[in-house]
Amino acid sequence: MIEAELKARVHAPEAVMRRLDERATARVEVYQDSYYDRPDGSLTKADQELRVRTVHGPDGLRSLVTFKGATVDEESGSKPEYETRVADSEAAHAILRGLGYAPVIAFSKRCRNYDFEARGRQMLATLVRVPEIDGTFLELETLTSEDDVTAALDDVRAVLAELGIEADDLTRELYTNAVATQRQG
């Protein structure tokens, strides 16, 4: 499946949160994300990502291992995504290190998630704050097949517009790069 996703900088977070609260019940969570690569950086060079995420939420902890393939839509950065839940995040980290992957960067994200249906699609909207980066972001995604990415992204753009997000607010900036830049100085 392709994660058809757009990300935007949010200039009026309270207004966007109110609009999202009208659509669904928020789920407040903190993500602890750890990204891995091969020692030669070949995943990054191939535009791929390997991540272990531990989610701290109202229902306790859950951990996921995610692999994202290379971008299939350059404008949005949408990628194929494969994700599975794991019972033991420490074991997942140990397995990846044992297979030769090295941790590249780790950081936390404060998230307010909304699951809802729009335009005939299941969507996930996430208001995001990363403590090391200024501002609030909105990620809006839906899972789709590769032959439906353009239509799915059109639907995502339409919902973003309904939430008050303009085309100029969209960004392809990666949290990993922004956090790394902040840490460098």
Protein backbone atom coordinates (compact mmCIF):
# COMPACT_ATOMS: atom_id res chain seq x y z
CA MET A 1 0.00 0.00 0.00
CA ILE A 2 1.00 3.58 -0.62
CA GLU A 3 0.73 6.14 2.13
CA ALA A 4 -0.67 9.11 0.19
CA GLU A 5 0.31 11.89 2.56
CA LEU A 6 0.73 15.63 2.60
CA LYS A 7 2.33 17.64 5.38
CA ALA A 8 1.81 21.31 6.10
CA ARG A 9 3.03 23.95 8.49
CA VAL A 10 0.03 25.11 10.51
CA HIS A 11 -0.26 28.85 11.16
CA ALA A 12 -3.48 28.66 13.18
CA PRO A 13 -3.25 25.40 15.16
CA GLU A 14 -6.23 26.15 17.43
CA ALA A 15 -8.53 26.75 14.44
CA VAL A 16 -7.36 23.57 12.69
CA MET A 17 -7.79 21.61 15.94
CA ARG A 18 -11.37 22.88 16.28
CA ARG A 19 -12.17 21.79 12.72
CA LEU A 20 -10.66 18.36 13.36
CA ASP A 21 -12.51 18.04 16.68
CA GLU A 22 -15.75 18.47 14.67
CA ARG A 23 -14.80 15.45 12.52
CA ALA A 24 -13.50 12.97 15.10
CA THR A 25 -12.36 12.37 18.64
CA ALA A 26 -8.71 13.18 19.21
CA ARG A 27 -6.24 10.58 20.41
CA VAL A 28 -3.28 12.28 22.13
CA GLU A 29 -0.05 10.32 21.88
CA VAL A 30 3.71 10.77 22.10
CA TYR A 31 5.84 8.97 19.53
CA GLN A 32 9.41 7.94 20.25
CA ASP A 33 10.92 7.44 16.79
CA SER A 34 14.28 5.80 16.08
CA TYR A 35 15.53 5.69 12.50
CA TYR A 36 18.05 3.14 11.24
CA ASP A 37 20.26 2.82 8.19
CA ARG A 38 23.03 0.58 6.96
CA PRO A 39 26.52 1.79 7.90
CA ASP A 40 27.07 2.94 4.29
CA GLY A 41 23.85 5.03 4.36
CA SER A 42 22.38 3.03 1.49
CA LEU A 43 18.78 3.21 2.76
CA THR A 44 18.91 7.01 2.81
CA LYS A 45 20.62 7.08 -0.59
CA ALA A 46 17.81 4.87 -1.96
CA ASP A 47 15.17 7.20 -0.44
CA GLN A 48 14.06 4.47 1.98
CA GLU A 49 13.35 4.59 5.72
CA LEU A 50 13.50 2.04 8.52
CA ARG A 51 11.98 3.07 11.83
CA VAL A 52 11.05 1.73 15.24
CA ARG A 53 8.26 3.76 16.82
CA THR A 54 7.04 3.42 20.38
CA VAL A 55 3.69 5.11 20.94
CA HIS A 56 2.80 6.31 24.43
CA GLY A 57 -0.98 6.76 24.48
CA PRO A 58 -4.06 6.60 26.66
CA ASP A 59 -4.23 2.81 26.18
CA GLY A 60 -0.60 2.23 27.17
CA LEU A 61 2.39 1.49 24.96
CA ARG A 62 2.56 -0.04 21.51
CA SER A 63 5.54 -0.41 19.21
CA LEU A 64 5.80 -0.62 15.46
CA VAL A 65 8.53 -1.39 12.96
CA THR A 66 8.08 0.48 9.68
CA PHE A 67 9.81 0.29 6.32
CA LYS A 68 9.09 2.97 3.75
CA GLY A 69 10.15 2.41 0.16
CA ALA A 70 11.27 5.03 -2.32
CA THR A 71 9.01 7.97 -3.17
CA VAL A 72 6.34 7.25 -5.79
CA ASP A 73 5.05 10.85 -6.04
CA GLU A 74 7.75 13.53 -6.06
CA GLU A 75 5.47 16.47 -5.31
CA SER A 76 4.07 14.95 -2.11
CA GLY A 77 6.83 12.54 -1.15
CA SER A 78 4.28 9.71 -0.81
CA LYS A 79 5.86 6.28 -0.35
CA PRO A 80 4.96 2.61 -0.06
CA GLU A 81 4.73 1.75 3.63
CA TYR A 82 4.99 -1.59 5.41
CA GLU A 83 4.37 -1.60 9.12
CA THR A 84 3.91 -4.23 11.78
CA ARG A 85 3.27 -4.13 15.48
CA VAL A 86 5.92 -5.67 17.72
CA ALA A 87 5.48 -6.85 21.29
CA ASP A 88 8.92 -5.80 22.48
CA SER A 89 10.49 -2.61 21.15
CA GLU A 90 13.87 -3.35 22.79
CA ALA A 91 13.97 -6.68 20.94
CA ALA A 92 13.12 -4.87 17.67
CA HIS A 93 16.03 -2.47 18.23
CA ALA A 94 18.34 -5.38 19.07
CA ILE A 95 17.26 -7.31 15.96
CA LEU A 96 17.92 -4.35 13.67
CA ARG A 97 21.34 -3.71 15.24
CA GLY A 98 22.09 -7.44 15.03
CA LEU A 99 21.27 -7.38 11.33
CA GLY A 100 23.82 -4.63 10.84
CA TYR A 101 21.58 -1.57 10.87
CA ALA A 102 22.82 1.41 12.83
CA PRO A 103 20.72 4.00 14.66
CA VAL A 104 20.86 7.32 12.78
CA ILE A 105 18.59 9.62 14.76
CA ALA A 106 15.94 9.40 17.46
CA PHE A 107 13.47 12.03 18.62
CA SER A 108 9.96 12.45 20.01
CA LYS A 109 6.81 13.83 18.44
CA ARG A 110 3.77 15.06 20.36
CA CYS A 111 0.76 14.03 18.29
CA ARG A 112 -2.96 14.63 18.28
CA ASN A 113 -4.46 12.00 15.95
CA TYR A 114 -7.85 11.98 14.29
CA ASP A 115 -9.24 8.99 12.36
CA PHE A 116 -12.19 9.84 10.10
CA GLU A 117 -13.74 9.17 6.73
CA ALA A 118 -13.75 11.84 4.04
CA ARG A 119 -14.37 11.64 0.32
CA GLY A 120 -14.99 7.90 0.67
CA ARG A 121 -11.56 7.25 2.20
CA GLN A 122 -10.30 6.46 5.68
CA MET A 123 -8.00 9.30 6.66
CA LEU A 124 -5.65 9.99 9.51
CA ALA A 125 -4.93 13.59 10.44
CA THR A 126 -2.12 14.22 12.88
CA LEU A 127 -1.29 17.56 14.45
CA VAL A 128 2.40 17.31 15.30
CA ARG A 129 4.80 19.21 17.52
CA VAL A 130 8.42 18.16 17.62
CA PRO A 131 10.06 19.79 20.65
CA GLU A 132 13.26 20.50 18.72
CA ILE A 133 11.50 22.20 15.78
CA ASP A 134 9.55 25.45 15.86
CA GLY A 135 5.92 25.29 14.83
CA THR A 136 3.03 22.90 14.46
CA PHE A 137 2.57 20.57 11.52
CA LEU A 138 -0.43 18.74 10.11
CA GLU A 139 0.00 15.40 8.38
CA LEU A 140 -3.00 14.07 6.47
CA GLU A 141 -2.80 10.61 4.95
CA THR A 142 -4.79 7.80 3.44
CA LEU A 143 -3.65 4.37 2.30
CA THR A 144 -4.21 3.56 -1.34
CA SER A 145 -2.96 1.48 -4.25
CA GLU A 146 -0.18 2.75 -6.50
CA ASP A 147 -2.58 3.34 -9.40
CA ASP A 148 -4.81 5.56 -7.20
CA VAL A 149 -2.16 7.87 -5.69
CA THR A 150 -3.07 10.94 -7.77
CA ALA A 151 -6.78 10.71 -6.91
CA ALA A 152 -6.01 10.00 -3.25
CA LEU A 153 -3.73 13.05 -3.04
CA ASP A 154 -6.43 15.18 -4.68
CA ASP A 155 -8.81 14.04 -1.92
CA VAL A 156 -6.19 14.79 0.75
CA ARG A 157 -5.66 18.29 -0.70
CA ALA A 158 -9.42 18.91 -0.67
CA VAL A 159 -9.70 17.92 3.00
CA LEU A 160 -6.69 20.07 3.88
CA ALA A 161 -8.42 23.03 2.22
CA GLU A 162 -11.54 22.32 4.32
CA LEU A 163 -9.30 22.45 7.39
CA GLY A 164 -7.95 25.87 6.39
CA ILE A 165 -4.61 24.70 5.00
CA GLU A 166 -3.46 26.46 1.84
CA ALA A 167 -1.19 25.09 -0.89
CA ASP A 168 1.60 27.45 0.23
CA ASP A 169 1.55 25.79 3.68
CA LEU A 170 2.58 22.39 2.28
CA THR A 171 6.10 21.18 3.00
CA ARG A 172 8.27 18.20 2.14
CA GLU A 173 10.63 19.01 5.02
CA LEU A 174 11.52 15.83 6.91
CA TYR A 175 11.48 15.84 10.70
CA THR A 176 14.67 13.78 10.68
CA ASN A 177 16.51 16.46 8.69
CA ALA A 178 15.07 19.36 10.72
CA VAL A 179 16.01 17.71 14.03
CA ALA A 180 19.51 16.87 12.75
CA THR A 181 19.97 20.50 11.65
CA GLN A 182 18.86 21.78 15.06
CA ARG A 183 21.27 19.44 16.82
CA GLN A 184 24.18 20.54 14.64
CA GLY A 185 23.79 24.00 15.72
